[in-house]
């Protein structure tokens, strides 16, 4: 299909999947449990961090994380004691365990005692085309030079050619202005035009089938290539096509 036909097809698929029904089977339902900005940020970041594998398992374990935090993520992060962290010890999601959970809780406390919002850690500099450099700055802050600690594998580094799928998904949730009630759009200082696609197996395979992506690996270079082509279709909201690419890939509707 030509560019016009491709855009019409993908826009139709965006409308098909970018609606509240999408929330029912996606980890984004966990931050949707909250109204307070900081609770949404923390629940969103934690849910995105464990978002690999079976989606039902992801959602179940993300909700368990919230319960272990007394269903008040921001209050728990800010006010927890060492004894409060003991209740997190049974937690495990695949290779993410309680050591990682506790490490991130402590890092989030540092973040919220330093900044008003996690958005401040992801601000894109004027000369940067996408959030990739900001993601590495965020990673540096979260790890606080603990580069040998096991949790580093759960905080992606585009500088090491990672596609940073989970963090890009979190950024989409927080920064994309969505009239359909799926993405939150609670961050005002990160332009949605600069957001990057949360590239995974499903969206990558669909993008290749539609000739939007040539690169075989799902890595940083593939994200940049796909971003470039999606911005040709919609320069103001390119990452909306994540709904179409992911939805088509999961449903095999192509």
Protein backbone atom coordinates (compact mmCIF):
# COMPACT_ATOMS: atom_id res chain seq x y z
CA UNK A 1 0.00 0.00 0.00
CA UNK A 2 1.15 3.57 -0.61
CA UNK A 3 1.78 6.15 2.14
CA UNK A 4 -1.79 7.51 2.06
CA UNK A 5 -3.30 4.04 2.27
CA UNK A 6 -0.91 3.04 5.03
CA UNK A 7 -1.77 6.11 7.10
CA UNK A 8 -5.50 5.53 6.63
CA UNK A 9 -5.12 1.89 7.65
CA UNK A 10 -3.04 2.65 10.74
CA UNK A 11 -5.26 5.57 11.80
CA UNK A 12 -8.24 3.21 11.59
CA UNK A 13 -6.39 0.70 13.77
CA UNK A 14 -5.45 3.40 16.28
CA UNK A 15 -9.13 4.26 16.65
CA UNK A 16 -9.93 0.57 17.02
CA UNK A 17 -7.49 -0.04 19.87
CA UNK A 18 -7.00 3.36 21.51
CA UNK A 19 -10.12 3.26 23.68
CA UNK A 20 -11.01 2.38 27.30
CA UNK A 21 -11.47 -1.30 26.37
CA UNK A 22 -7.69 -1.42 25.84
CA UNK A 23 -7.19 -0.76 29.57
CA UNK A 24 -8.92 -3.98 30.62
CA UNK A 25 -6.09 -6.22 29.39
CA UNK A 26 -3.10 -3.90 29.69
CA UNK A 27 -0.78 -3.01 32.62
CA UNK A 28 -1.86 0.63 32.25
CA UNK A 29 -4.95 -0.37 34.25
CA UNK A 30 -2.81 -0.32 37.43
CA UNK A 31 -1.96 3.43 37.43
CA UNK A 32 -5.59 3.99 36.39
CA UNK A 33 -6.52 2.92 39.92
CA UNK A 34 -5.32 6.34 41.13
CA UNK A 35 -6.11 10.03 40.75
CA UNK A 36 -3.15 11.63 42.54
CA UNK A 37 -0.35 12.51 40.13
CA UNK A 38 2.46 11.00 42.20
CA UNK A 39 0.52 7.77 42.76
CA UNK A 40 -0.07 7.50 39.00
CA UNK A 41 3.63 8.06 38.31
CA UNK A 42 4.84 5.47 40.81
CA UNK A 43 2.21 2.85 39.96
CA UNK A 44 2.91 3.48 36.28
CA UNK A 45 6.68 3.20 36.60
CA UNK A 46 6.54 0.03 38.68
CA UNK A 47 3.99 -1.58 36.35
CA UNK A 48 6.05 -0.69 33.29
CA UNK A 49 9.23 -1.98 34.93
CA UNK A 50 7.84 -5.52 35.23
CA UNK A 51 5.98 -5.41 31.90
CA UNK A 52 7.46 -8.41 30.13
CA UNK A 53 6.05 -11.88 29.79
CA UNK A 54 2.39 -12.88 30.16
CA UNK A 55 0.16 -9.81 30.45
CA UNK A 56 -2.15 -11.40 33.02
CA UNK A 57 0.84 -12.21 35.18
CA UNK A 58 2.20 -8.67 34.74
CA UNK A 59 -1.09 -7.12 35.84
CA UNK A 60 -1.49 -9.51 38.78
CA UNK A 61 2.01 -8.85 40.06
CA UNK A 62 1.81 -5.10 39.47
CA UNK A 63 -1.37 -4.98 41.55
CA UNK A 64 0.38 -7.03 44.21
CA UNK A 65 3.17 -4.45 44.32
CA UNK A 66 0.58 -1.77 45.02
CA UNK A 67 -1.05 -3.83 47.77
CA UNK A 68 2.33 -4.38 49.41
CA UNK A 69 2.65 -0.58 49.46
CA UNK A 70 -0.66 -0.31 51.36
CA UNK A 71 -2.37 0.90 48.15
CA UNK A 72 -0.76 4.33 48.68
CA UNK A 73 2.38 4.31 46.51
CA UNK A 74 3.52 7.89 47.05
CA UNK A 75 2.95 7.85 50.80
CA UNK A 76 4.79 4.54 51.07
CA UNK A 77 7.72 5.74 48.98
CA UNK A 78 8.13 8.97 50.95
CA UNK A 79 7.45 7.72 54.46
CA UNK A 80 8.53 4.07 54.56
CA UNK A 81 10.84 2.78 57.28
CA UNK A 82 13.27 -0.11 56.97
CA UNK A 83 10.80 -2.33 58.78
CA UNK A 84 8.09 -1.39 56.25
CA UNK A 85 10.31 -2.74 53.48
CA UNK A 86 10.27 -6.20 55.04
CA UNK A 87 6.76 -6.80 53.74
CA UNK A 88 8.15 -6.53 50.19
CA UNK A 89 10.50 -9.51 50.67
CA UNK A 90 8.16 -12.19 49.23
CA UNK A 91 7.71 -10.31 45.94
CA UNK A 92 8.98 -11.80 42.69
CA UNK A 93 8.13 -11.33 39.01
CA UNK A 94 10.29 -13.51 36.79
CA UNK A 95 13.85 -12.15 37.31
CA UNK A 96 12.64 -9.05 39.17
CA UNK A 97 12.68 -9.80 42.90
CA UNK A 98 12.32 -8.07 46.24
CA UNK A 99 15.92 -6.78 46.14
CA UNK A 100 15.07 -4.92 42.95
CA UNK A 101 11.72 -3.74 44.35
CA UNK A 102 13.35 -2.33 47.49
CA UNK A 103 16.20 -0.76 45.53
CA UNK A 104 13.72 1.07 43.29
CA UNK A 105 11.56 2.20 46.23
CA UNK A 106 14.61 3.79 47.82
CA UNK A 107 15.62 5.39 44.52
CA UNK A 108 12.10 6.77 44.09
CA UNK A 109 12.28 8.29 47.57
CA UNK A 110 15.46 10.11 46.53
CA UNK A 111 13.67 11.27 43.39
CA UNK A 112 10.69 12.70 45.25
CA UNK A 113 12.83 14.38 47.89
CA UNK A 114 14.82 16.04 45.09
CA UNK A 115 12.12 16.77 42.49
CA UNK A 116 8.39 17.45 42.45
CA UNK A 117 7.71 14.85 39.77
CA UNK A 118 9.42 11.99 37.97
CA UNK A 119 8.94 14.10 34.86
CA UNK A 120 11.88 16.23 35.96
CA UNK A 121 14.16 13.23 35.51
CA UNK A 122 13.06 12.70 31.90
CA UNK A 123 13.19 16.24 30.52
CA UNK A 124 14.45 16.29 26.94
CA UNK A 125 17.08 18.88 26.09
CA UNK A 126 16.40 21.30 23.27
CA UNK A 127 18.78 19.68 20.77
CA UNK A 128 17.61 16.10 21.45
CA UNK A 129 15.26 14.45 18.96
CA UNK A 130 13.90 11.79 21.32
CA UNK A 131 13.98 10.74 25.01
CA UNK A 132 16.88 8.33 24.63
CA UNK A 133 19.51 10.54 26.29
CA UNK A 134 17.02 11.49 29.01
CA UNK A 135 16.39 7.80 29.72
CA UNK A 136 20.10 7.29 30.38
CA UNK A 137 20.15 10.35 32.66
CA UNK A 138 17.20 8.85 34.54
CA UNK A 139 19.05 5.53 34.78
CA UNK A 140 22.14 7.23 36.19
CA UNK A 141 20.04 8.93 38.85
CA UNK A 142 18.17 5.77 39.82
CA UNK A 143 21.32 3.66 40.07
CA UNK A 144 23.25 6.42 41.89
CA UNK A 145 26.54 4.94 40.65
CA UNK A 146 25.57 1.43 41.83
CA UNK A 147 26.44 0.12 38.38
CA UNK A 148 27.34 -3.32 39.68
CA UNK A 149 24.01 -3.84 41.43
CA UNK A 150 21.64 -6.44 39.98
CA UNK A 151 18.80 -3.92 39.44
CA UNK A 152 20.73 -2.25 36.61
CA UNK A 153 19.35 -4.89 34.23
CA UNK A 154 15.83 -3.69 34.99
CA UNK A 155 16.57 -0.05 34.07
CA UNK A 156 17.27 0.12 30.35
CA UNK A 157 20.16 1.99 28.78
CA UNK A 158 19.77 3.28 25.21
CA UNK A 159 23.46 4.14 25.37
CA UNK A 160 23.99 0.37 25.34
CA UNK A 161 21.66 0.08 22.32
CA UNK A 162 18.59 -0.98 24.30
CA UNK A 163 15.19 -0.19 22.77
CA UNK A 164 14.09 0.78 26.31
CA UNK A 165 10.62 -0.56 25.52
CA UNK A 166 9.28 -0.45 29.08
CA UNK A 167 10.47 3.07 29.86
CA UNK A 168 9.25 4.38 26.50
CA UNK A 169 5.87 2.81 27.29
CA UNK A 170 5.86 4.56 30.68
CA UNK A 171 6.70 7.85 28.96
CA UNK A 172 3.82 7.33 26.53
CA UNK A 173 1.47 6.76 29.44
CA UNK A 174 2.58 9.91 31.28
CA UNK A 175 3.20 12.42 28.46
CA UNK A 176 0.86 11.57 25.59
CA UNK A 177 -2.30 13.67 25.48
CA UNK A 178 -5.06 11.17 24.85
CA UNK A 179 -8.67 12.18 24.23
CA UNK A 180 -9.79 8.57 24.62
CA UNK A 181 -8.86 8.09 28.26
CA UNK A 182 -6.06 5.52 27.94
CA UNK A 183 -2.81 7.49 28.25
CA UNK A 184 -2.75 10.02 31.10
CA UNK A 185 -1.01 13.06 29.60
CA UNK A 186 -0.23 14.43 33.08
CA UNK A 187 3.26 15.60 32.12
CA UNK A 188 3.38 18.99 30.46
CA UNK A 189 7.05 19.47 29.62
CA UNK A 190 7.81 16.49 27.40
CA UNK A 191 6.41 17.04 23.87
CA UNK A 192 4.46 14.04 22.65
CA UNK A 193 5.96 14.73 19.23
CA UNK A 194 9.32 13.56 20.64
CA UNK A 195 8.10 10.39 22.31
CA UNK A 196 9.58 7.13 21.04
CA UNK A 197 7.76 3.93 20.17
CA UNK A 198 7.78 1.22 22.89
CA UNK A 199 9.19 -1.35 20.51
CA UNK A 200 8.51 -5.00 21.34
CA UNK A 201 8.10 -8.29 19.46
CA UNK A 202 4.49 -7.55 18.45
CA UNK A 203 4.96 -3.96 17.27
CA UNK A 204 8.29 -4.80 15.64
CA UNK A 205 6.88 -7.69 13.62
CA UNK A 206 3.92 -5.59 12.48
CA UNK A 207 6.18 -2.68 11.53
CA UNK A 208 8.34 -4.99 9.42
CA UNK A 209 5.30 -6.52 7.72
CA UNK A 210 4.13 -3.00 6.81
CA UNK A 211 7.60 -1.98 5.54
CA UNK A 212 7.97 0.61 8.28
CA UNK A 213 11.05 -1.09 9.69
CA UNK A 214 13.89 -2.92 7.97
CA UNK A 215 16.17 -3.65 10.91
CA UNK A 216 15.85 -7.18 12.28
CA UNK A 217 16.87 -6.45 15.87
CA UNK A 218 14.55 -4.67 18.30
CA UNK A 219 17.14 -2.22 19.57
CA UNK A 220 17.79 1.51 19.84
CA UNK A 221 18.61 1.83 16.14
CA UNK A 222 15.35 0.12 15.25
CA UNK A 223 13.42 2.51 17.50
CA UNK A 224 15.03 5.52 15.86
CA UNK A 225 14.28 4.16 12.38
CA UNK A 226 10.66 3.38 13.22
CA UNK A 227 10.23 6.75 14.97
CA UNK A 228 11.43 8.48 11.81
CA UNK A 229 8.85 6.68 9.66
CA UNK A 230 5.98 7.12 12.11
CA UNK A 231 6.65 10.86 12.36
CA UNK A 232 6.11 11.04 8.61
CA UNK A 233 2.58 9.76 9.23
CA UNK A 234 1.86 12.05 12.21
CA UNK A 235 4.51 14.51 13.33
CA UNK A 236 2.48 15.70 16.33
CA UNK A 237 1.53 12.32 17.82
CA UNK A 238 3.66 9.57 16.24
CA UNK A 239 3.59 7.25 19.24
CA UNK A 240 -0.19 6.83 18.92
CA UNK A 241 0.68 4.20 16.32
CA UNK A 242 1.91 1.98 19.15
CA UNK A 243 -1.76 1.08 19.66
CA UNK A 244 -2.10 0.04 16.03
CA UNK A 245 1.19 -1.85 15.72
CA UNK A 246 0.83 -3.64 19.05
CA UNK A 247 -2.88 -4.38 18.56
CA UNK A 248 -2.37 -5.77 15.09
CA UNK A 249 0.56 -7.86 16.32
CA UNK A 250 -1.33 -9.40 19.23
CA UNK A 251 -4.54 -10.04 17.27
CA UNK A 252 -2.63 -11.01 14.08
CA UNK A 253 -5.10 -8.73 12.29
CA UNK A 254 -3.07 -8.06 9.17
